[in-house]
Amino acid sequence: MRIFQFYFNPEAKEDLIFDSFCFEPENIYEKRLGSLYMVGGLKNALPKNYNFLEKIAKFVKENFYKKTLVKPEKALRETLKETNQFLEKIAKSGDVSWLGNLSFAILNLKNFELNFTKVGEMKFYLLRGKKIIDIDKRLKLQDIEPYPLKIFGNVVTGKLIENDLVLVLTKEVFDFFQNENLIQKIRELGYFNERDFKRILDEKKEALSKVKGIAFVISLSKEVAKQKKEIIAPKVLKEFSIKDFFSPFFKT
């Protein structure tokens, strides 16, 4: 299995920040819960909140991996409750600038069992063979309520199979991919690889210079590539790999 993180113009706009985070189990107990991935974006960000996404990711990671005695889905649900309390505390302290501006996706994957949730303007797609499935529709999201805060709501679970491709896209990237029919072009690749994907992006280089955000890709292939980083002007590409899994759609 491989993880790709494509960053588009990360320094183009100071008040728009976005980032992604990947965490692997660090011991035999954490292995019971699997891997944890997060993608976040914050609009109209104030300087004091430039590390806000990292703060959330760290909180989620630390609390999720404490719950090694329960199944991953339950661990994630319990962690979301704690994260809502964490965010409520921040809001009650007077920092409410992020309300209505936060987008954040959390994915947990263990042995091809996927649990995910989101808040805000993130999009999830599953590409399986010739199918493009908008799995985002399976999340019955609720609007952000000022008090009491319930930022993160439902968790969707599902079983992936080998050669599935999961896309997590921030809003600007999703809008661009949709307008340019790029998701269809990715599906037509059959086997996702960075060379062909970058070739598709190069065809849209000029238009892409105005796009800001992240395309986060989980490729459920047998291949395990070495960790590496590469810069593609005017984009930043980060790619690294995780464990090789074999086994096998979604239920709410």
C-alpha atoms as a PDB file:
ATOM      1  CA  MET A   1       0.000   0.000   0.000  1.00  0.00           C
ATOM      2  CA  ARG A   2       1.221   3.485  -0.818  1.00  0.00           C
ATOM      3  CA  ILE A   3       0.347   6.944   0.398  1.00  0.00           C
ATOM      4  CA  PHE A   4       0.746  10.021  -1.815  1.00  0.00           C
ATOM      5  CA  GLN A   5       0.392  13.593  -0.586  1.00  0.00           C
ATOM      6  CA  PHE A   6       0.259  16.229  -3.316  1.00  0.00           C
ATOM      7  CA  TYR A   7       0.503  19.820  -2.089  1.00  0.00           C
ATOM      8  CA  PHE A   8      -0.603  22.540  -4.498  1.00  0.00           C
ATOM      9  CA  ASN A   9       0.890  26.009  -3.946  1.00  0.00           C
ATOM     10  CA  PRO A  10       1.153  25.761  -0.151  1.00  0.00           C
ATOM     11  CA  GLU A  11       2.555  29.282   0.227  1.00  0.00           C
ATOM     12  CA  ALA A  12       0.285  31.068  -2.235  1.00  0.00           C
ATOM     13  CA  LYS A  13      -2.101  32.530   0.334  1.00  0.00           C
ATOM     14  CA  GLU A  14      -1.084  33.374   3.883  1.00  0.00           C
ATOM     15  CA  ASP A  15      -4.535  33.046   5.463  1.00  0.00           C
ATOM     16  CA  LEU A  16      -5.218  29.627   3.925  1.00  0.00           C
ATOM     17  CA  ILE A  17      -3.294  26.817   5.573  1.00  0.00           C
ATOM     18  CA  PHE A  18      -3.487  23.110   4.870  1.00  0.00           C
ATOM     19  CA  ASP A  19      -1.550  20.048   5.894  1.00  0.00           C
ATOM     20  CA  SER A  20      -1.710  16.266   6.083  1.00  0.00           C
ATOM     21  CA  PHE A  21      -0.494  13.830   8.702  1.00  0.00           C
ATOM     22  CA  CYS A  22       0.324  10.124   8.630  1.00  0.00           C
ATOM     23  CA  PHE A  23       0.866   8.012  11.725  1.00  0.00           C
ATOM     24  CA  GLU A  24       1.933   4.387  11.941  1.00  0.00           C
ATOM     25  CA  PRO A  25       1.609   2.137  15.008  1.00  0.00           C
ATOM     26  CA  GLU A  26       4.738   2.346  17.141  1.00  0.00           C
ATOM     27  CA  ASN A  27       4.341  -0.881  19.118  1.00  0.00           C
ATOM     28  CA  ILE A  28       2.465  -4.187  19.157  1.00  0.00           C
ATOM     29  CA  TYR A  29      -0.437  -2.673  21.091  1.00  0.00           C
ATOM     30  CA  GLU A  30      -0.956   0.213  18.684  1.00  0.00           C
ATOM     31  CA  LYS A  31      -0.869  -2.263  15.802  1.00  0.00           C
ATOM     32  CA  ARG A  32      -4.295  -3.436  16.967  1.00  0.00           C
ATOM     33  CA  LEU A  33      -5.652  -0.065  15.813  1.00  0.00           C
ATOM     34  CA  GLY A  34      -3.836   0.278  12.492  1.00  0.00           C
ATOM     35  CA  SER A  35      -2.742   3.431  10.706  1.00  0.00           C
ATOM     36  CA  LEU A  36      -4.112   6.940  11.117  1.00  0.00           C
ATOM     37  CA  TYR A  37      -4.246   9.617   8.414  1.00  0.00           C
ATOM     38  CA  MET A  38      -5.488  13.199   8.582  1.00  0.00           C
ATOM     39  CA  VAL A  39      -5.962  16.011   6.073  1.00  0.00           C
ATOM     40  CA  GLY A  40      -6.831  19.517   7.227  1.00  0.00           C
ATOM     41  CA  GLY A  41      -7.468  23.010   5.927  1.00  0.00           C
ATOM     42  CA  LEU A  42      -8.169  26.330   7.635  1.00  0.00           C
ATOM     43  CA  LYS A  43      -9.513  29.407   5.830  1.00  0.00           C
ATOM     44  CA  ASN A  44      -9.110  32.965   7.104  1.00  0.00           C
ATOM     45  CA  ALA A  45      -6.418  31.724   9.447  1.00  0.00           C
ATOM     46  CA  LEU A  46      -4.990  34.141  11.987  1.00  0.00           C
ATOM     47  CA  PRO A  47      -1.225  34.054  12.662  1.00  0.00           C
ATOM     48  CA  LYS A  48      -1.854  32.579  16.118  1.00  0.00           C
ATOM     49  CA  ASN A  49      -3.552  29.574  14.489  1.00  0.00           C
ATOM     50  CA  TYR A  50      -0.877  28.646  11.964  1.00  0.00           C
ATOM     51  CA  ASN A  51      -0.246  25.457  13.965  1.00  0.00           C
ATOM     52  CA  PHE A  52      -3.950  24.768  14.599  1.00  0.00           C
ATOM     53  CA  LEU A  53      -4.133  21.771  12.259  1.00  0.00           C
ATOM     54  CA  GLU A  54      -1.042  20.242  13.791  1.00  0.00           C
ATOM     55  CA  LYS A  55      -2.535  20.754  17.245  1.00  0.00           C
ATOM     56  CA  ILE A  56      -5.687  18.838  16.274  1.00  0.00           C
ATOM     57  CA  ALA A  57      -3.718  16.064  14.589  1.00  0.00           C
ATOM     58  CA  LYS A  58      -1.495  15.607  17.631  1.00  0.00           C
ATOM     59  CA  PHE A  59      -4.502  15.456  19.965  1.00  0.00           C
ATOM     60  CA  VAL A  60      -6.303  12.896  17.789  1.00  0.00           C
ATOM     61  CA  LYS A  61      -3.213  10.738  17.410  1.00  0.00           C
ATOM     62  CA  GLU A  62      -2.328  10.676  21.104  1.00  0.00           C
ATOM     63  CA  ASN A  63      -5.867   9.859  22.244  1.00  0.00           C
ATOM     64  CA  PHE A  64      -6.618   7.346  19.495  1.00  0.00           C
ATOM     65  CA  TYR A  65      -3.562   5.224  20.197  1.00  0.00           C
ATOM     66  CA  LYS A  66      -4.381   5.081  23.915  1.00  0.00           C
ATOM     67  CA  LYS A  67      -7.435   2.928  23.165  1.00  0.00           C
ATOM     68  CA  THR A  68      -5.701  -0.337  22.352  1.00  0.00           C
ATOM     69  CA  LEU A  69      -8.271  -2.526  24.145  1.00  0.00           C
ATOM     70  CA  VAL A  70     -11.157  -1.704  21.787  1.00  0.00           C
ATOM     71  CA  LYS A  71     -11.737  -2.108  18.063  1.00  0.00           C
ATOM     72  CA  PRO A  72     -10.474   0.663  15.749  1.00  0.00           C
ATOM     73  CA  GLU A  73     -13.973   1.949  14.913  1.00  0.00           C
ATOM     74  CA  LYS A  74     -14.878   2.361  18.585  1.00  0.00           C
ATOM     75  CA  ALA A  75     -11.495   3.910  19.323  1.00  0.00           C
ATOM     76  CA  LEU A  76     -12.106   6.490  16.616  1.00  0.00           C
ATOM     77  CA  ARG A  77     -15.635   7.272  17.808  1.00  0.00           C
ATOM     78  CA  GLU A  78     -14.420   7.791  21.360  1.00  0.00           C
ATOM     79  CA  THR A  79     -11.531   9.922  20.132  1.00  0.00           C
ATOM     80  CA  LEU A  80     -13.931  12.145  18.179  1.00  0.00           C
ATOM     81  CA  LYS A  81     -15.947  12.809  21.329  1.00  0.00           C
ATOM     82  CA  GLU A  82     -12.768  13.843  23.103  1.00  0.00           C
ATOM     83  CA  THR A  83     -11.717  15.976  20.143  1.00  0.00           C
ATOM     84  CA  ASN A  84     -15.055  17.793  20.197  1.00  0.00           C
ATOM     85  CA  GLN A  85     -14.498  18.541  23.882  1.00  0.00           C
ATOM     86  CA  PHE A  86     -10.972  19.717  23.103  1.00  0.00           C
ATOM     87  CA  LEU A  87     -12.241  22.094  20.412  1.00  0.00           C
ATOM     88  CA  GLU A  88     -15.086  23.303  22.615  1.00  0.00           C
ATOM     89  CA  LYS A  89     -12.568  24.219  25.287  1.00  0.00           C
ATOM     90  CA  ILE A  90     -10.582  26.239  22.739  1.00  0.00           C
ATOM     91  CA  ALA A  91     -13.731  28.064  21.630  1.00  0.00           C
ATOM     92  CA  LYS A  92     -14.794  28.827  25.195  1.00  0.00           C
ATOM     93  CA  SER A  93     -11.357  30.272  25.875  1.00  0.00           C
ATOM     94  CA  GLY A  94     -12.181  32.953  23.303  1.00  0.00           C
ATOM     95  CA  ASP A  95     -10.586  31.579  20.140  1.00  0.00           C
ATOM     96  CA  VAL A  96     -13.527  31.166  17.761  1.00  0.00           C
ATOM     97  CA  SER A  97     -11.865  32.392  14.562  1.00  0.00           C
ATOM     98  CA  TRP A  98     -11.656  28.827  13.231  1.00  0.00           C
ATOM     99  CA  LEU A  99     -15.384  28.136  13.543  1.00  0.00           C
ATOM    100  CA  GLY A 100     -16.878  27.836  10.069  1.00  0.00           C
ATOM    101  CA  ASN A 101     -13.395  27.890   8.533  1.00  0.00           C
ATOM    102  CA  LEU A 102     -12.107  24.452   9.519  1.00  0.00           C
ATOM    103  CA  SER A 103     -12.076  21.433   7.217  1.00  0.00           C
ATOM    104  CA  PHE A 104     -10.592  18.231   8.577  1.00  0.00           C
ATOM    105  CA  ALA A 105     -10.658  14.580   7.548  1.00  0.00           C
ATOM    106  CA  ILE A 106      -9.620  11.609   9.675  1.00  0.00           C
ATOM    107  CA  LEU A 107      -9.054   8.127   8.257  1.00  0.00           C
ATOM    108  CA  ASN A 108      -8.143   4.952  10.086  1.00  0.00           C
ATOM    109  CA  LEU A 109      -7.080   1.872   8.156  1.00  0.00           C
ATOM    110  CA  LYS A 110      -6.349  -1.598   9.490  1.00  0.00           C
ATOM    111  CA  ASN A 111      -6.199  -4.711   7.336  1.00  0.00           C
ATOM    112  CA  PHE A 112      -8.250  -2.981   4.625  1.00  0.00           C
ATOM    113  CA  GLU A 113     -10.948  -1.978   7.119  1.00  0.00           C
ATOM    114  CA  LEU A 114     -11.470   1.762   6.686  1.00  0.00           C
ATOM    115  CA  ASN A 115     -13.081   4.112   9.213  1.00  0.00           C
ATOM    116  CA  PHE A 116     -13.385   7.770   8.336  1.00  0.00           C
ATOM    117  CA  THR A 117     -15.044  11.025   9.260  1.00  0.00           C
ATOM    118  CA  LYS A 118     -14.763  14.674   8.338  1.00  0.00           C
ATOM    119  CA  VAL A 119     -15.881  18.184   9.047  1.00  0.00           C
ATOM    120  CA  GLY A 120     -16.132  20.976   6.504  1.00  0.00           C
ATOM    121  CA  GLU A 121     -15.351  20.991   2.807  1.00  0.00           C
ATOM    122  CA  MET A 122     -13.431  17.770   2.265  1.00  0.00           C
ATOM    123  CA  LYS A 123     -14.325  15.281  -0.454  1.00  0.00           C
ATOM    124  CA  PHE A 124     -13.830  11.503  -0.371  1.00  0.00           C
ATOM    125  CA  TYR A 125     -13.825   9.293  -3.460  1.00  0.00           C
ATOM    126  CA  LEU A 126     -13.283   5.579  -3.900  1.00  0.00           C
ATOM    127  CA  LEU A 127     -12.060   4.404  -7.300  1.00  0.00           C
ATOM    128  CA  ARG A 128     -12.647   0.684  -7.767  1.00  0.00           C
ATOM    129  CA  GLY A 129     -12.129  -0.718 -11.235  1.00  0.00           C
ATOM    130  CA  LYS A 130     -14.305   1.338 -13.580  1.00  0.00           C
ATOM    131  CA  LYS A 131     -16.402   2.760 -10.746  1.00  0.00           C
ATOM    132  CA  ILE A 132     -16.071   6.206  -9.177  1.00  0.00           C
ATOM    133  CA  ILE A 133     -17.911   6.182  -5.857  1.00  0.00           C
ATOM    134  CA  ASP A 134     -18.655   9.354  -3.924  1.00  0.00           C
ATOM    135  CA  ILE A 135     -18.305   7.861  -0.453  1.00  0.00           C
ATOM    136  CA  ASP A 136     -18.608  11.350   0.989  1.00  0.00           C
ATOM    137  CA  LYS A 137     -22.381  11.033   0.552  1.00  0.00           C
ATOM    138  CA  ARG A 138     -22.422   8.339   3.210  1.00  0.00           C
ATOM    139  CA  LEU A 139     -21.513  10.868   5.852  1.00  0.00           C
ATOM    140  CA  LYS A 140     -24.608  12.612   7.198  1.00  0.00           C
ATOM    141  CA  LEU A 141     -22.764  15.701   8.267  1.00  0.00           C
ATOM    142  CA  GLN A 142     -24.122  18.258  10.644  1.00  0.00           C
ATOM    143  CA  ASP A 143     -23.501  21.980  10.542  1.00  0.00           C
ATOM    144  CA  ILE A 144     -21.118  23.389  13.100  1.00  0.00           C
ATOM    145  CA  GLU A 145     -23.070  24.527  16.126  1.00  0.00           C
ATOM    146  CA  PRO A 146     -21.587  27.286  18.308  1.00  0.00           C
ATOM    147  CA  TYR A 147     -22.455  25.762  21.723  1.00  0.00           C
ATOM    148  CA  PRO A 148     -22.371  22.987  22.632  1.00  0.00           C
ATOM    149  CA  LEU A 149     -19.820  22.202  19.969  1.00  0.00           C
ATOM    150  CA  LYS A 150     -20.096  19.024  17.964  1.00  0.00           C
ATOM    151  CA  ILE A 151     -17.572  19.465  15.196  1.00  0.00           C
ATOM    152  CA  PHE A 152     -17.024  15.821  14.287  1.00  0.00           C
ATOM    153  CA  GLY A 153     -20.104  13.642  13.899  1.00  0.00           C
ATOM    154  CA  ASN A 154     -20.619  10.298  12.196  1.00  0.00           C
ATOM    155  CA  VAL A 155     -18.025   7.679  11.365  1.00  0.00           C
ATOM    156  CA  VAL A 156     -18.379   5.654   8.162  1.00  0.00           C
ATOM    157  CA  THR A 157     -16.824   2.208   7.974  1.00  0.00           C
ATOM    158  CA  GLY A 158     -16.092   0.019   4.996  1.00  0.00           C
ATOM    159  CA  LYS A 159     -13.913  -2.736   3.609  1.00  0.00           C
ATOM    160  CA  LEU A 160     -11.447  -2.013   0.853  1.00  0.00           C
ATOM    161  CA  ILE A 161      -9.932  -4.491  -1.579  1.00  0.00           C
ATOM    162  CA  GLU A 162      -6.648  -4.681  -3.414  1.00  0.00           C
ATOM    163  CA  ASN A 163      -6.209  -2.034  -6.155  1.00  0.00           C
ATOM    164  CA  ASP A 164      -8.787   0.315  -4.624  1.00  0.00           C
ATOM    165  CA  LEU A 165      -7.844   3.977  -4.710  1.00  0.00           C
ATOM    166  CA  VAL A 166      -9.061   6.406  -2.043  1.00  0.00           C
ATOM    167  CA  LEU A 167      -8.921  10.148  -2.765  1.00  0.00           C
ATOM    168  CA  VAL A 168      -9.247  12.864  -0.132  1.00  0.00           C
ATOM    169  CA  LEU A 169      -9.404  16.333  -1.677  1.00  0.00           C
ATOM    170  CA  THR A 170      -9.567  19.797  -0.172  1.00  0.00           C
ATOM    171  CA  LYS A 171     -12.210  22.087  -1.695  1.00  0.00           C
ATOM    172  CA  GLU A 172     -10.178  24.019  -4.282  1.00  0.00           C
ATOM    173  CA  VAL A 173      -8.463  20.855  -5.456  1.00  0.00           C
ATOM    174  CA  PHE A 174     -11.781  18.995  -5.675  1.00  0.00           C
ATOM    175  CA  ASP A 175     -13.394  21.838  -7.652  1.00  0.00           C
ATOM    176  CA  PHE A 176     -10.458  21.882 -10.060  1.00  0.00           C
ATOM    177  CA  PHE A 177     -10.366  18.102 -10.470  1.00  0.00           C
ATOM    178  CA  GLN A 178     -14.114  18.048 -11.103  1.00  0.00           C
ATOM    179  CA  ASN A 179     -14.072  20.918 -13.619  1.00  0.00           C
ATOM    180  CA  GLU A 180     -11.127  19.410 -15.490  1.00  0.00           C
ATOM    181  CA  ASN A 181     -12.474  15.835 -15.315  1.00  0.00           C
ATOM    182  CA  LEU A 182      -9.282  14.701 -13.589  1.00  0.00           C
ATOM    183  CA  ILE A 183     -10.930  12.102 -11.369  1.00  0.00           C
ATOM    184  CA  GLN A 184     -12.124  10.312 -14.504  1.00  0.00           C
ATOM    185  CA  LYS A 185      -8.605  10.517 -15.944  1.00  0.00           C
ATOM    186  CA  ILE A 186      -7.169   9.034 -12.762  1.00  0.00           C
ATOM    187  CA  ARG A 187      -9.662   6.165 -13.003  1.00  0.00           C
ATOM    188  CA  GLU A 188      -8.570   5.538 -16.581  1.00  0.00           C
ATOM    189  CA  LEU A 189      -4.991   5.013 -15.408  1.00  0.00           C
ATOM    190  CA  GLY A 190      -5.984   1.636 -14.028  1.00  0.00           C
ATOM    191  CA  TYR A 191      -2.894   1.409 -11.847  1.00  0.00           C
ATOM    192  CA  PHE A 192      -2.135   4.657 -10.035  1.00  0.00           C
ATOM    193  CA  ASN A 193       1.468   5.803 -10.212  1.00  0.00           C
ATOM    194  CA  GLU A 194       3.104   9.149  -9.634  1.00  0.00           C
ATOM    195  CA  ARG A 195       4.649   9.398 -13.103  1.00  0.00           C
ATOM    196  CA  ASP A 196       1.332   9.179 -14.955  1.00  0.00           C
ATOM    197  CA  PHE A 197      -0.414  11.349 -12.380  1.00  0.00           C
ATOM    198  CA  LYS A 198       2.219  14.080 -12.743  1.00  0.00           C
ATOM    199  CA  ARG A 199       1.842  13.816 -16.511  1.00  0.00           C
ATOM    200  CA  ILE A 200      -1.882  14.537 -16.119  1.00  0.00           C
ATOM    201  CA  LEU A 201      -1.082  17.484 -13.862  1.00  0.00           C
ATOM    202  CA  ASP A 202       1.546  18.847 -16.256  1.00  0.00           C
ATOM    203  CA  GLU A 203      -1.142  19.173 -18.910  1.00  0.00           C
ATOM    204  CA  LYS A 204      -2.927  21.601 -16.562  1.00  0.00           C
ATOM    205  CA  LYS A 205       0.187  23.345 -15.249  1.00  0.00           C
ATOM    206  CA  GLU A 206      -0.924  26.919 -15.921  1.00  0.00           C
ATOM    207  CA  ALA A 207      -4.376  26.483 -14.388  1.00  0.00           C
ATOM    208  CA  LEU A 208      -2.911  24.575 -11.441  1.00  0.00           C
ATOM    209  CA  SER A 209      -0.768  27.553 -10.495  1.00  0.00           C
ATOM    210  CA  LYS A 210      -3.958  29.141  -9.122  1.00  0.00           C
ATOM    211  CA  VAL A 211      -5.093  26.092  -7.137  1.00  0.00           C
ATOM    212  CA  LYS A 212      -4.317  25.746  -3.430  1.00  0.00           C
ATOM    213  CA  GLY A 213      -4.828  22.604  -1.388  1.00  0.00           C
ATOM    214  CA  ILE A 214      -4.079  18.905  -1.059  1.00  0.00           C
ATOM    215  CA  ALA A 215      -4.804  15.715  -2.950  1.00  0.00           C
ATOM    216  CA  PHE A 216      -4.262  12.805  -0.555  1.00  0.00           C
ATOM    217  CA  VAL A 217      -4.188   9.399  -2.218  1.00  0.00           C
ATOM    218  CA  ILE A 218      -4.246   5.915  -0.706  1.00  0.00           C
ATOM    219  CA  SER A 219      -3.329   3.262  -3.259  1.00  0.00           C
ATOM    220  CA  LEU A 220      -4.165  -0.292  -2.168  1.00  0.00           C
ATOM    221  CA  SER A 221      -1.543  -2.006  -4.311  1.00  0.00           C
ATOM    222  CA  LYS A 222       0.987  -4.701  -3.482  1.00  0.00           C
ATOM    223  CA  GLU A 223       3.869  -2.397  -4.249  1.00  0.00           C
ATOM    224  CA  VAL A 224       5.761  -0.846  -1.377  1.00  0.00           C
ATOM    225  CA  ALA A 225       7.871   2.098  -2.515  1.00  0.00           C
ATOM    226  CA  LYS A 226      10.733   3.646  -0.618  1.00  0.00           C
ATOM    227  CA  GLN A 227      10.108   6.864   1.230  1.00  0.00           C
ATOM    228  CA  LYS A 228      11.059   9.951  -0.727  1.00  0.00           C
ATOM    229  CA  LYS A 229      10.234  13.583  -1.261  1.00  0.00           C
ATOM    230  CA  GLU A 230      10.112  15.471  -4.521  1.00  0.00           C
ATOM    231  CA  ILE A 231       9.398  19.079  -5.450  1.00  0.00           C
ATOM    232  CA  ILE A 232       7.388  19.788  -8.571  1.00  0.00           C
ATOM    233  CA  ALA A 233       7.188  23.515  -9.295  1.00  0.00           C
ATOM    234  CA  PRO A 234       4.937  25.195  -8.495  1.00  0.00           C
ATOM    235  CA  LYS A 235       3.670  22.273  -6.421  1.00  0.00           C
ATOM    236  CA  VAL A 236       5.194  20.326  -3.580  1.00  0.00           C
ATOM    237  CA  LEU A 237       4.920  16.554  -3.805  1.00  0.00           C
ATOM    238  CA  LYS A 238       5.485  14.383  -0.775  1.00  0.00           C
ATOM    239  CA  GLU A 239       5.280  10.630  -1.089  1.00  0.00           C
ATOM    240  CA  PHE A 240       6.029   7.892   1.359  1.00  0.00           C
ATOM    241  CA  SER A 241       4.950   4.342   1.889  1.00  0.00           C
ATOM    242  CA  ILE A 242       3.500   2.210   4.599  1.00  0.00           C
ATOM    243  CA  LYS A 243       2.997  -1.474   5.127  1.00  0.00           C
ATOM    244  CA  ASP A 244       2.075  -3.974   2.475  1.00  0.00           C
ATOM    245  CA  PHE A 245      -1.443  -5.327   3.089  1.00  0.00           C
ATOM    246  CA  PHE A 246      -3.443  -7.978   1.283  1.00  0.00           C
ATOM    247  CA  SER A 247      -7.107  -8.859   1.863  1.00  0.00           C
ATOM    248  CA  PRO A 248     -10.680  -7.512   1.386  1.00  0.00           C
ATOM    249  CA  PHE A 249     -17.709  -1.374   0.304  1.00  0.00           C
ATOM    250  CA  PHE A 250     -18.930   0.625   2.573  1.00  0.00           C
ATOM    251  CA  LYS A 251     -21.468   0.452   5.360  1.00  0.00           C
ATOM    252  CA  THR A 252     -22.648   3.165   7.696  1.00  0.00           C
END
